[in-house]
């Protein structure tokens, strides 16, 4: 889990109730999210949304780069629904294609 987007969404959605949301996390992740929340809490809502959009855009670019490396540019010629499925499935494989588990 990437703590930064989690923190940004939690601040946007939970606001004052952030502690209730972070209580759901394991202690190590909770600490990271609370540190980020301290850093981000002074930002206005539009800045939080902008930061979240930037994090999402970076994640999309990183996934596209990964897919280009692994599959070449041919994946971009697939129907958009299939592109989306591949992008969602790729991180779960972690390069392990052994299906005998």
Protein backbone atom coordinates (compact mmCIF):
# COMPACT_ATOMS: atom_id res chain seq x y z
CA UNK A 1 0.00 0.00 0.00
CA UNK A 2 1.19 3.47 -0.80
CA UNK A 3 0.56 5.57 2.29
CA UNK A 4 0.51 8.98 0.56
CA UNK A 5 -2.68 8.49 -1.50
CA UNK A 6 -4.31 6.72 1.46
CA UNK A 7 -3.51 9.71 3.67
CA UNK A 8 -4.75 12.23 1.10
CA UNK A 9 -8.05 10.41 0.61
CA UNK A 10 -8.45 9.98 4.36
CA UNK A 11 -7.88 13.70 4.93
CA UNK A 12 -10.35 14.59 2.19
CA UNK A 13 -13.04 12.14 3.28
CA UNK A 14 -12.55 11.72 7.03
CA UNK A 15 -11.06 15.09 7.96
CA UNK A 16 -11.42 15.40 11.73
CA UNK A 17 -12.12 11.65 12.03
CA UNK A 18 -8.75 10.67 10.61
CA UNK A 19 -7.81 8.76 13.77
CA UNK A 20 -10.80 6.45 13.30
CA UNK A 21 -9.59 5.63 9.79
CA UNK A 22 -5.96 5.13 10.76
CA UNK A 23 -6.97 2.79 13.59
CA UNK A 24 -7.76 0.26 10.84
CA UNK A 25 -4.10 0.17 9.75
CA UNK A 26 -1.25 -1.91 11.14
CA UNK A 27 0.87 0.14 13.60
CA UNK A 28 3.82 0.74 11.23
CA UNK A 29 1.58 2.02 8.44
CA UNK A 30 -0.53 4.03 10.89
CA UNK A 31 2.58 5.89 12.02
CA UNK A 32 3.56 6.76 8.44
CA UNK A 33 0.03 7.94 7.58
CA UNK A 34 -0.17 10.08 10.72
CA UNK A 35 3.19 11.68 9.90
CA UNK A 36 1.97 12.46 6.40
CA UNK A 37 -1.32 13.77 7.80
CA UNK A 38 0.62 16.17 10.00
CA UNK A 39 2.52 17.36 6.94
CA UNK A 40 -0.59 17.69 4.76
CA UNK A 41 -3.15 18.90 7.31
CA UNK A 42 -2.39 22.57 6.74
CA UNK A 43 -3.13 22.30 3.01
CA UNK A 44 -6.50 23.54 1.73
CA UNK A 45 -8.87 21.02 0.12
CA UNK A 46 -8.05 22.08 -3.44
CA UNK A 47 -4.32 21.51 -2.78
CA UNK A 48 -5.04 18.07 -1.29
CA UNK A 49 -7.08 17.16 -4.37
CA UNK A 50 -4.32 18.44 -6.65
CA UNK A 51 -1.72 16.42 -4.77
CA UNK A 52 -3.90 13.30 -5.00
CA UNK A 53 -4.40 13.85 -8.74
CA UNK A 54 -0.62 14.19 -9.19
CA UNK A 55 0.00 10.95 -7.25
CA UNK A 56 -2.60 9.16 -9.38
CA UNK A 57 -1.15 10.54 -12.63
CA UNK A 58 2.34 9.40 -11.60
CA UNK A 59 1.01 5.91 -10.81
CA UNK A 60 -0.64 5.72 -14.25
CA UNK A 61 2.56 6.83 -15.98
CA UNK A 62 4.61 4.30 -14.03
CA UNK A 63 2.17 1.50 -14.94
CA UNK A 64 2.22 2.50 -18.61
CA UNK A 65 6.01 2.50 -18.56
CA UNK A 66 6.03 -0.92 -16.89
CA UNK A 67 3.61 -2.33 -19.47
CA UNK A 68 5.65 -0.84 -22.31
CA UNK A 69 8.76 -2.58 -20.96
CA UNK A 70 7.00 -5.90 -20.38
CA UNK A 71 4.68 -6.04 -23.39
CA UNK A 72 5.97 -3.45 -25.82
CA UNK A 73 3.65 -0.87 -27.29
CA UNK A 74 1.27 -3.53 -28.64
CA UNK A 75 -0.79 -3.45 -25.43
CA UNK A 76 -1.98 0.06 -26.39
CA UNK A 77 -3.73 -1.40 -29.45
CA UNK A 78 -5.97 -3.57 -27.27
CA UNK A 79 -9.51 -2.47 -26.41
CA UNK A 80 -9.54 -0.04 -23.47
CA UNK A 81 -11.31 -2.49 -21.13
CA UNK A 82 -8.60 -5.09 -21.75
CA UNK A 83 -5.88 -2.46 -21.24
CA UNK A 84 -7.45 -1.63 -17.89
CA UNK A 85 -7.62 -5.30 -16.89
CA UNK A 86 -3.96 -5.87 -17.80
CA UNK A 87 -2.91 -2.77 -15.86
CA UNK A 88 -4.79 -4.01 -12.80
CA UNK A 89 -3.51 -7.58 -13.08
CA UNK A 90 0.14 -6.74 -13.78
CA UNK A 91 1.07 -5.56 -10.27
CA UNK A 92 -0.27 -8.77 -8.75
CA UNK A 93 2.02 -11.00 -10.78
CA UNK A 94 5.27 -9.34 -9.63
CA UNK A 95 7.05 -11.15 -12.44
CA UNK A 96 5.96 -14.54 -11.08
CA UNK A 97 4.24 -16.31 -13.93
CA UNK A 98 4.37 -19.77 -12.27
CA UNK A 99 0.71 -20.74 -12.05
CA UNK A 100 1.38 -23.98 -10.16
CA UNK A 101 0.90 -22.35 -6.75
